[in-house]
Structure formats: C-alpha cells, structure tokens
C-alpha cells in the first residue's frame, strides 16, 4: 500500500474502519506551532457520524488524541501522531456477506490484490472513516497556512442534480449552517429533502463540492510533475468516492473560445490581478495570486439497501445482495471538511517547498 502524501509536510494515514483506531502521522511540521485539541476537534466534529438525520447513525465520539510531537502546547518538530478510537463498529453485516462483494465498493479489487487478507469489515482501509485522519492533518495545516495569510474553505454546490446558485466568496464565508453546507438556502432545502427521500427508498445520491483557497501568493507549484493542480488532484482523488476534479472553468473551458476563456490581466491597488478567473487561480501549474477554485465530483454512496446483483466469490456463482448496516444516503455533507483538509495539506506542503513556511514558527 501507499499511505503517505507530500514531500516536506507529509502525512501518513493508518487504521481501518472497524479496527481499534484510525489516525494520521504528520512529519515535517515546523516546531513552535501552537496546537492543541481545541484546534483539531471542531474540524473532526464537522465530519463525525450521527450528527444529523442525513448521515449514518453510527455513534462515534471521535475525540482526538495527540499521541506525540506536541509538548507544552507547541509542536516539537518531531512526528505528530493524531488518532481517534473506533467505539461503535458493528461488523455483523460484513461477516455474513464476506464472500459477496458490494457493487460500487472496493471489496472485490481489494480481495484480489491482497489475497483475501485485507480487513473487509466496514470497507477496512477503503472506508470513508479513514478520512478522519485527513481532517486532523488538515487542522494542523490550516494553522500553518493562516500564518502566511492563506484561508481554505469549501461548500456544497450540487446534490442529486440540484444545483446551488453561484455565490460570491463573502456570501460563502458567511453562509448559515445547514445540514448540507450549501450557501444557497433555497437549494439547500431541496437538497435536504432529496437526500432524505433517497434514504427512505434505500438509495443514495452524489454531488459536487467546491473548494476555495484565498490569499495564495503567486508562485506555488513545482512544474511539471508537481504542479499545484496535479498535487491537489492527487490528494483529492485519495478521498473515497471522488470521481472527478476540475479547476476554474474545468470541462466547461472545452466549450469556450479562447477569447472568452482567457483571463485578462489588470492592475488593482498596485497588484496584478485577472478580471475573470476561468483558470481557477492556476497558470502553468503555478498559483497566480487569484482565488484557487476546485470542484470535486462525489459519486452516490455505494452501500445501499436496495437489492443488487453481485457474485459469491467462494462459489463462483451469481448472487443477490441487499446491504445491511448504517450508511449515509449522501456523503457529500460530511466530505466538505475533508475536501478542505486535503487542499490545506497540499498547499502547506507546497508553501514549505517554496520557502514560505520556516522550520520554526516564531
């Protein structure tokens, strides 16, 4: 397996959905950063299960444990180990259906790749639960980025084909809290109703999350292979259920003429800007100083209660499967903070590689 991301600010993910715990090891974090549970727990609370009628009823406290790398409230420069326990795992349904790979899940591919030795309970390493480690790492990265004036946020722009109206950055930052984390209150109510209806039908929905990074300096990114968009895409595709990533105008750019897609340069308050942002803040794999805009397509939750066709691996014959257990009818709301985290982790690494974050925080 490959479980480490980054070059200077690196994160190593560990744990399984129904194992003892899940977590992350952060290496390369500068010494002197003030950090404690209060900086990390609010981020974890945004993704933990059992918090609304739209998400899995699995009850996990998800209380962060700082196991190493922090002393007297500051990072020491040593590896930081952050973890949460798995206290409400129920493996019964997985034991009964061990030989029946779930359609849309990694059960079959993992079984073949690891010879059946992988932990299949709850999806094991392929479960969305491992993203709790991403979120913990993201909380640390956010604090480092704040020191150089960079802010990361994300919001839901589509669920089940219901699209939110475009909103200005100030509106997104000031959006009222709702169960789907959508800045368009009217669309949010429709999304909530659609997710609830899909859940009652034993089905699920997917959607789109938009991530933003504000205050980025010009020059982040290491072309050609470690371009800022390439590094972000790799990190975002590590989130289970992500099936597409686009920047700025994205695929819509293929339908525009160059005269419309190009972002004209201008000078504003002594600073070079672009008057539009179809590039999403990236030119040639390098940040151009404009807001970074990335959208992530999230597929519908694969574990659904409706009966589906599968095979019995042991008997090598076709079978039917109705998935039991506790699953989100739509993982988009809980994935918003995960998208933010992976953006923050990637930008933190690139900022360190650009020399913008020192080895000791003063």
Protein backbone atom coordinates (compact mmCIF):
# COMPACT_ATOMS: atom_id res chain seq x y z
CA UNK A 1 0.00 0.00 0.00
CA UNK A 2 0.98 3.64 -0.43
CA UNK A 3 -0.28 5.65 2.53
CA UNK A 4 1.98 8.74 2.58
CA UNK A 5 1.34 12.06 0.85
CA UNK A 6 3.62 15.08 0.48
CA UNK A 7 7.32 15.90 0.15
CA UNK A 8 8.18 18.21 3.10
CA UNK A 9 4.90 18.34 5.02
CA UNK A 10 4.00 14.67 4.84
CA UNK A 11 1.00 12.78 6.18
CA UNK A 12 0.79 9.02 6.66
CA UNK A 13 -2.70 7.56 7.08
CA UNK A 14 -3.32 4.48 9.23
CA UNK A 15 -6.16 2.41 10.64
CA UNK A 16 -9.27 0.61 9.39
CA UNK A 17 -12.99 1.33 9.67
CA UNK A 18 -13.68 -1.38 12.26
CA UNK A 19 -10.19 -1.67 13.73
CA UNK A 20 -9.05 -0.24 17.05
CA UNK A 21 -8.47 3.27 15.76
CA UNK A 22 -7.79 5.47 12.75
CA UNK A 23 -5.39 8.34 12.52
CA UNK A 24 -2.50 10.14 10.86
CA UNK A 25 1.20 10.78 11.37
CA UNK A 26 2.39 14.22 10.29
CA UNK A 27 6.10 14.58 9.61
CA UNK A 28 7.89 17.80 8.71
CA UNK A 29 5.65 20.13 10.69
CA UNK A 30 7.74 23.08 11.91
CA UNK A 31 8.50 23.34 15.60
CA UNK A 32 6.85 26.05 17.68
CA UNK A 33 3.32 25.90 16.22
CA UNK A 34 0.75 26.41 18.97
CA UNK A 35 -1.66 23.48 18.68
CA UNK A 36 -3.97 21.52 20.98
CA UNK A 37 -7.19 19.51 20.90
CA UNK A 38 -9.27 22.69 20.59
CA UNK A 39 -7.69 23.38 17.19
CA UNK A 40 -8.46 19.91 15.84
CA UNK A 41 -11.70 18.77 17.48
CA UNK A 42 -14.05 21.28 15.77
CA UNK A 43 -12.89 20.02 12.38
CA UNK A 44 -13.46 16.40 13.39
CA UNK A 45 -16.90 17.29 14.70
CA UNK A 46 -17.85 18.54 11.23
CA UNK A 47 -17.32 15.09 9.69
CA UNK A 48 -18.20 12.70 12.50
CA UNK A 49 -21.20 10.36 12.11
CA UNK A 50 -24.51 10.61 13.94
CA UNK A 51 -24.75 14.40 13.77
CA UNK A 52 -27.91 14.80 11.66
CA UNK A 53 -30.79 12.87 10.13
CA UNK A 54 -28.96 12.76 6.78
CA UNK A 55 -25.89 10.81 7.89
CA UNK A 56 -25.13 7.35 9.23
CA UNK A 57 -26.46 6.76 12.77
CA UNK A 58 -23.15 5.18 13.79
CA UNK A 59 -22.26 6.88 17.07
CA UNK A 60 -18.60 7.78 17.45
CA UNK A 61 -17.25 10.44 19.78
CA UNK A 62 -14.23 10.94 17.53
CA UNK A 63 -12.27 12.61 20.32
CA UNK A 64 -8.79 13.40 19.05
CA UNK A 65 -5.79 12.01 20.91
CA UNK A 66 -2.46 13.78 20.42
CA UNK A 67 -0.01 10.95 20.96
CA UNK A 68 3.30 12.55 20.00
CA UNK A 69 5.00 15.60 18.56
CA UNK A 70 3.37 18.21 20.82
CA UNK A 71 4.81 19.39 24.15
CA UNK A 72 3.58 22.24 26.35
CA UNK A 73 1.04 23.20 23.69
CA UNK A 74 3.53 23.55 20.82
CA UNK A 75 4.84 21.27 18.10
CA UNK A 76 8.34 19.98 18.76
CA UNK A 77 9.45 19.29 15.19
CA UNK A 78 9.08 15.54 15.79
CA UNK A 79 6.42 13.44 14.01
CA UNK A 80 2.92 14.23 15.23
CA UNK A 81 0.62 11.26 15.80
CA UNK A 82 -3.12 12.00 15.95
CA UNK A 83 -5.75 9.31 16.41
CA UNK A 84 -9.39 8.61 17.26
CA UNK A 85 -10.86 5.36 18.53
CA UNK A 86 -13.48 3.19 16.85
CA UNK A 87 -16.06 2.57 19.57
CA UNK A 88 -19.33 1.83 17.74
CA UNK A 89 -18.25 -0.53 14.96
CA UNK A 90 -20.77 -3.27 14.09
CA UNK A 91 -19.22 -5.91 11.83
CA UNK A 92 -22.17 -8.32 11.85
CA UNK A 93 -23.45 -7.48 8.36
CA UNK A 94 -19.94 -7.70 6.91
CA UNK A 95 -19.27 -11.11 8.46
CA UNK A 96 -22.45 -12.52 6.92
CA UNK A 97 -21.71 -11.14 3.44
CA UNK A 98 -17.93 -11.63 3.41
CA UNK A 99 -17.97 -13.56 0.13
CA UNK A 100 -20.38 -11.13 -1.58
CA UNK A 101 -18.53 -8.03 -2.86
CA UNK A 102 -20.66 -4.90 -2.72
CA UNK A 103 -21.28 -3.29 -6.12
CA UNK A 104 -19.53 0.06 -6.36
CA UNK A 105 -17.17 -0.73 -3.47
CA UNK A 106 -13.55 -1.87 -3.36
CA UNK A 107 -14.42 -5.25 -1.81
CA UNK A 108 -13.61 -7.26 -4.95
CA UNK A 109 -10.49 -5.41 -6.05
CA UNK A 110 -9.04 -5.38 -2.53
CA UNK A 111 -9.79 -9.10 -2.12
CA UNK A 112 -7.84 -9.92 -5.28
CA UNK A 113 -4.96 -7.50 -4.70
CA UNK A 114 -4.33 -8.58 -1.11
CA UNK A 115 -5.20 -12.25 -1.48
CA UNK A 116 -8.19 -12.04 0.86
CA UNK A 117 -6.05 -10.93 3.82
CA UNK A 118 -7.36 -7.35 3.84
CA UNK A 119 -9.67 -6.21 6.65
CA UNK A 120 -13.05 -6.26 4.91
CA UNK A 121 -15.10 -5.01 7.88
CA UNK A 122 -16.75 -1.73 7.00
CA UNK A 123 -14.52 -1.48 3.96
CA UNK A 124 -11.33 -1.54 6.05
CA UNK A 125 -8.74 0.81 4.56
CA UNK A 126 -11.16 1.71 1.79
CA UNK A 127 -13.76 3.20 4.13
CA UNK A 128 -14.60 6.86 4.32
CA UNK A 129 -13.76 6.61 8.01
CA UNK A 130 -10.05 6.88 7.26
CA UNK A 131 -10.69 10.48 6.16
CA UNK A 132 -10.87 11.42 9.84
CA UNK A 133 -7.08 11.27 9.71
CA UNK A 134 -7.07 13.60 6.71
CA UNK A 135 -9.19 16.08 8.66
CA UNK A 136 -6.85 16.01 11.66
CA UNK A 137 -3.86 16.69 9.42
CA UNK A 138 -5.82 19.44 7.70
CA UNK A 139 -6.41 21.21 11.01
CA UNK A 140 -2.65 21.42 11.60
CA UNK A 141 -2.02 22.54 8.01
CA UNK A 142 -4.67 25.26 8.35
CA UNK A 143 -2.84 26.81 11.29
CA UNK A 144 0.41 26.91 9.35
CA UNK A 145 -1.30 28.42 6.30
CA UNK A 146 -3.01 31.06 8.44
CA UNK A 147 0.46 32.26 9.38
CA UNK A 148 1.08 33.25 5.76
CA UNK A 149 -2.42 34.65 5.22
CA UNK A 150 -3.96 31.69 3.36
CA UNK A 151 -7.54 30.62 4.07
CA UNK A 152 -9.21 27.41 2.84
CA UNK A 153 -12.95 26.75 2.67
CA UNK A 154 -15.41 24.56 0.79
CA UNK A 155 -19.15 24.30 0.22
CA UNK A 156 -21.68 22.08 -1.49
CA UNK A 157 -22.76 23.27 -4.93
CA UNK A 158 -24.78 20.26 -6.10
CA UNK A 159 -26.56 17.19 -4.72
CA UNK A 160 -28.68 14.81 -6.76
CA UNK A 161 -28.74 17.18 -9.73
CA UNK A 162 -29.96 20.11 -7.59
CA UNK A 163 -27.54 22.96 -8.24
CA UNK A 164 -26.87 25.90 -5.97
CA UNK A 165 -26.93 29.40 -7.43
CA UNK A 166 -23.44 30.94 -7.77
CA UNK A 167 -22.46 32.88 -4.68
CA UNK A 168 -19.76 35.47 -4.01
CA UNK A 169 -16.91 34.50 -1.73
CA UNK A 170 -18.20 36.77 1.05
CA UNK A 171 -21.58 35.01 0.88
CA UNK A 172 -19.94 31.58 1.03
CA UNK A 173 -17.85 32.60 4.05
CA UNK A 174 -20.94 33.96 5.82
CA UNK A 175 -23.31 31.12 4.89
CA UNK A 176 -25.70 29.98 7.58
CA UNK A 177 -25.14 26.48 8.86
CA UNK A 178 -27.35 23.84 7.28
CA UNK A 179 -27.22 20.07 7.02
CA UNK A 180 -25.69 20.06 3.53
CA UNK A 181 -23.27 23.01 3.91
CA UNK A 182 -24.70 24.86 0.92
CA UNK A 183 -24.54 28.66 0.67
CA UNK A 184 -27.79 28.79 -1.33
CA UNK A 185 -30.51 28.41 1.33
CA UNK A 186 -33.26 27.62 -1.19
CA UNK A 187 -31.23 24.93 -2.94
CA UNK A 188 -30.11 23.57 0.45
CA UNK A 189 -33.69 22.80 1.47
CA UNK A 190 -34.28 20.98 -1.80
CA UNK A 191 -31.05 19.01 -1.34
CA UNK A 192 -32.00 18.01 2.20
CA UNK A 193 -35.39 16.76 1.03
CA UNK A 194 -33.82 14.84 -1.86
CA UNK A 195 -31.29 13.08 0.38
CA UNK A 196 -33.99 12.14 2.90
CA UNK A 197 -36.19 10.75 0.12
CA UNK A 198 -33.35 8.71 -1.36
CA UNK A 199 -32.59 7.24 2.06
CA UNK A 200 -36.19 6.17 2.56
CA UNK A 201 -36.08 4.44 -0.83
CA UNK A 202 -32.95 2.54 0.17
CA UNK A 203 -30.94 4.51 -2.37
CA UNK A 204 -28.29 7.24 -2.36
CA UNK A 205 -27.20 10.47 -4.05
CA UNK A 206 -23.92 12.06 -5.12
CA UNK A 207 -22.96 15.67 -5.63
CA UNK A 208 -20.30 18.31 -6.18
CA UNK A 209 -18.19 20.19 -3.63
CA UNK A 210 -16.34 23.40 -4.47
CA UNK A 211 -13.12 24.20 -2.64
CA UNK A 212 -11.52 27.63 -2.40
CA UNK A 213 -8.13 28.87 -1.26
CA UNK A 214 -7.85 32.61 -0.61
CA UNK A 215 -4.74 34.70 -0.12
CA UNK A 216 -2.42 32.41 -2.07
CA UNK A 217 0.78 34.11 -3.17
CA UNK A 218 1.97 33.88 -6.75
CA UNK A 219 4.38 31.02 -7.32
CA UNK A 220 3.13 27.90 -5.52
CA UNK A 221 3.56 24.73 -7.55
CA UNK A 222 6.55 22.76 -8.89
CA UNK A 223 6.04 22.11 -12.64
CA UNK A 224 5.95 19.95 -14.47
CA UNK A 225 5.05 16.88 -12.44
CA UNK A 226 4.37 18.57 -9.10
CA UNK A 227 2.20 21.35 -10.49
CA UNK A 228 -0.22 22.80 -7.95
CA UNK A 229 -3.25 21.37 -9.74
CA UNK A 230 -1.56 17.98 -10.20
CA UNK A 231 -0.70 17.76 -6.49
CA UNK A 232 -4.20 18.85 -5.46
CA UNK A 233 -5.85 16.39 -7.82
CA UNK A 234 -3.82 13.51 -6.36
CA UNK A 235 -4.77 14.49 -2.82
CA UNK A 236 -8.45 14.97 -3.63
CA UNK A 237 -8.70 11.67 -5.51
CA UNK A 238 -7.46 9.97 -2.32
CA UNK A 239 -10.84 10.79 -0.77
CA UNK A 240 -13.06 7.71 -1.17
CA UNK A 241 -15.94 8.25 -3.66
CA UNK A 242 -14.29 11.16 -5.51
CA UNK A 243 -14.65 10.51 -9.25
CA UNK A 244 -13.74 13.84 -10.80
CA UNK A 245 -11.71 17.01 -10.12
CA UNK A 246 -11.77 20.23 -12.14
CA UNK A 247 -10.20 23.66 -11.70
CA UNK A 248 -11.72 27.01 -12.60
CA UNK A 249 -13.95 26.66 -15.65
CA UNK A 250 -12.91 23.00 -15.80
CA UNK A 251 -14.58 20.95 -18.50
CA UNK A 252 -16.67 23.97 -19.49
CA UNK A 253 -13.48 25.52 -20.87
CA UNK A 254 -13.58 22.95 -23.68
CA UNK A 255 -16.75 24.64 -24.93
CA UNK A 256 -15.41 28.20 -24.81
CA UNK A 257 -13.41 30.21 -27.33
CA UNK A 258 -10.00 31.40 -26.25
CA UNK A 259 -11.25 34.98 -26.23
CA UNK A 260 -13.76 34.03 -23.54
CA UNK A 261 -11.70 31.51 -21.58
CA UNK A 262 -8.56 33.68 -21.24
CA UNK A 263 -8.44 35.80 -18.08
CA UNK A 264 -7.36 39.38 -18.94
CA UNK A 265 -4.71 40.92 -16.69
CA UNK A 266 -5.21 44.24 -14.91
CA UNK A 267 -3.68 46.31 -12.11
CA UNK A 268 -5.71 46.91 -8.95
CA UNK A 269 -4.34 48.77 -5.92
CA UNK A 270 -0.80 48.23 -7.16
CA UNK A 271 -1.32 44.49 -7.61
CA UNK A 272 -1.58 42.42 -10.79
CA UNK A 273 -4.90 40.56 -10.97
CA UNK A 274 -7.09 38.94 -13.60
CA UNK A 275 -10.55 40.35 -14.27
CA UNK A 276 -12.04 36.86 -14.57
CA UNK A 277 -10.90 33.57 -13.06
CA UNK A 278 -11.57 30.79 -15.56
CA UNK A 279 -8.11 29.45 -14.74
CA UNK A 280 -9.14 28.88 -11.14
CA UNK A 281 -6.09 30.69 -9.80
CA UNK A 282 -3.59 28.47 -11.64
CA UNK A 283 -1.46 29.15 -14.74
CA UNK A 284 1.12 26.63 -15.92
CA UNK A 285 0.70 24.63 -12.74
CA UNK A 286 1.62 27.68 -10.62
CA UNK A 287 -0.66 29.81 -8.45
CA UNK A 288 -1.28 33.22 -10.00
CA UNK A 289 -2.48 35.07 -6.89
CA UNK A 290 -6.20 34.80 -7.65
CA UNK A 291 -8.52 32.60 -5.57
CA UNK A 292 -7.89 28.93 -6.20
CA UNK A 293 -11.14 27.27 -7.30
CA UNK A 294 -11.50 23.48 -7.50
CA UNK A 295 -14.61 21.32 -7.77
CA UNK A 296 -14.86 17.69 -6.72
CA UNK A 297 -17.43 15.23 -8.04
CA UNK A 298 -18.57 12.72 -5.42
CA UNK A 299 -20.37 9.56 -6.51
CA UNK A 300 -23.52 8.28 -4.78
CA UNK A 301 -22.85 6.17 -1.68
CA UNK A 302 -22.26 2.65 -2.97
CA UNK A 303 -23.68 0.84 0.08
CA UNK A 304 -27.44 0.92 -0.43
CA UNK A 305 -30.32 -1.15 0.94
CA UNK A 306 -31.81 -1.92 -2.48
CA UNK A 307 -31.15 -5.42 -3.76
CA UNK A 308 -28.32 -5.57 -6.29
CA UNK A 309 -26.60 -8.18 -8.42
CA UNK A 310 -23.23 -9.50 -7.26
CA UNK A 311 -21.31 -12.77 -7.14
CA UNK A 312 -20.38 -15.26 -4.44
CA UNK A 313 -16.57 -15.33 -4.65
CA UNK A 314 -16.31 -18.66 -2.87
CA UNK A 315 -18.88 -20.45 -5.01
CA UNK A 316 -18.09 -18.50 -8.20
CA UNK A 317 -21.76 -18.00 -8.98
CA UNK A 318 -24.07 -15.02 -9.30
CA UNK A 319 -25.96 -13.84 -6.24
CA UNK A 320 -28.16 -11.05 -4.93
CA UNK A 321 -27.22 -8.65 -2.16
CA UNK A 322 -29.23 -6.18 -0.08
CA UNK A 323 -26.70 -4.30 2.04
CA UNK A 324 -27.45 -4.07 5.72
CA UNK A 325 -25.75 -1.72 8.14
CA UNK A 326 -25.51 2.01 8.79
CA UNK A 327 -24.65 4.12 5.77
CA UNK A 328 -25.03 7.72 4.61
CA UNK A 329 -27.62 8.29 1.90
CA UNK A 330 -25.24 11.01 0.66
CA UNK A 331 -21.67 11.52 1.84
CA UNK A 332 -21.31 14.99 0.31
CA UNK A 333 -22.16 16.93 3.52
CA UNK A 334 -19.54 15.10 5.57
CA UNK A 335 -16.99 15.29 2.76
CA UNK A 336 -16.93 19.10 2.65
CA UNK A 337 -14.48 19.35 5.55
CA UNK A 338 -12.41 16.51 4.06
CA UNK A 339 -12.01 18.46 0.81
CA UNK A 340 -10.89 21.49 2.81
CA UNK A 341 -8.39 19.34 4.70
CA UNK A 342 -6.77 17.84 1.62
CA UNK A 343 -6.49 21.25 -0.01
CA UNK A 344 -4.85 22.63 3.15
CA UNK A 345 -2.41 19.71 3.47
CA UNK A 346 -1.32 20.04 -0.17
CA UNK A 347 -0.93 23.81 -0.07
CA UNK A 348 1.02 23.58 3.18
CA UNK A 349 3.48 21.17 1.59
CA UNK A 350 3.88 23.37 -1.48
CA UNK A 351 4.31 26.50 0.68
CA UNK A 352 7.10 24.79 2.60
CA UNK A 353 8.74 23.75 -0.66
CA UNK A 354 8.56 27.38 -1.78
CA UNK A 355 10.26 28.52 1.43
CA UNK A 356 7.23 30.44 2.67
CA UNK A 357 6.89 28.49 5.94
CA UNK A 358 10.00 28.38 8.10
CA UNK A 359 11.29 25.38 10.05
CA UNK A 360 10.46 27.07 13.35
CA UNK A 361 7.30 29.09 13.96
CA UNK A 362 8.06 32.25 15.97
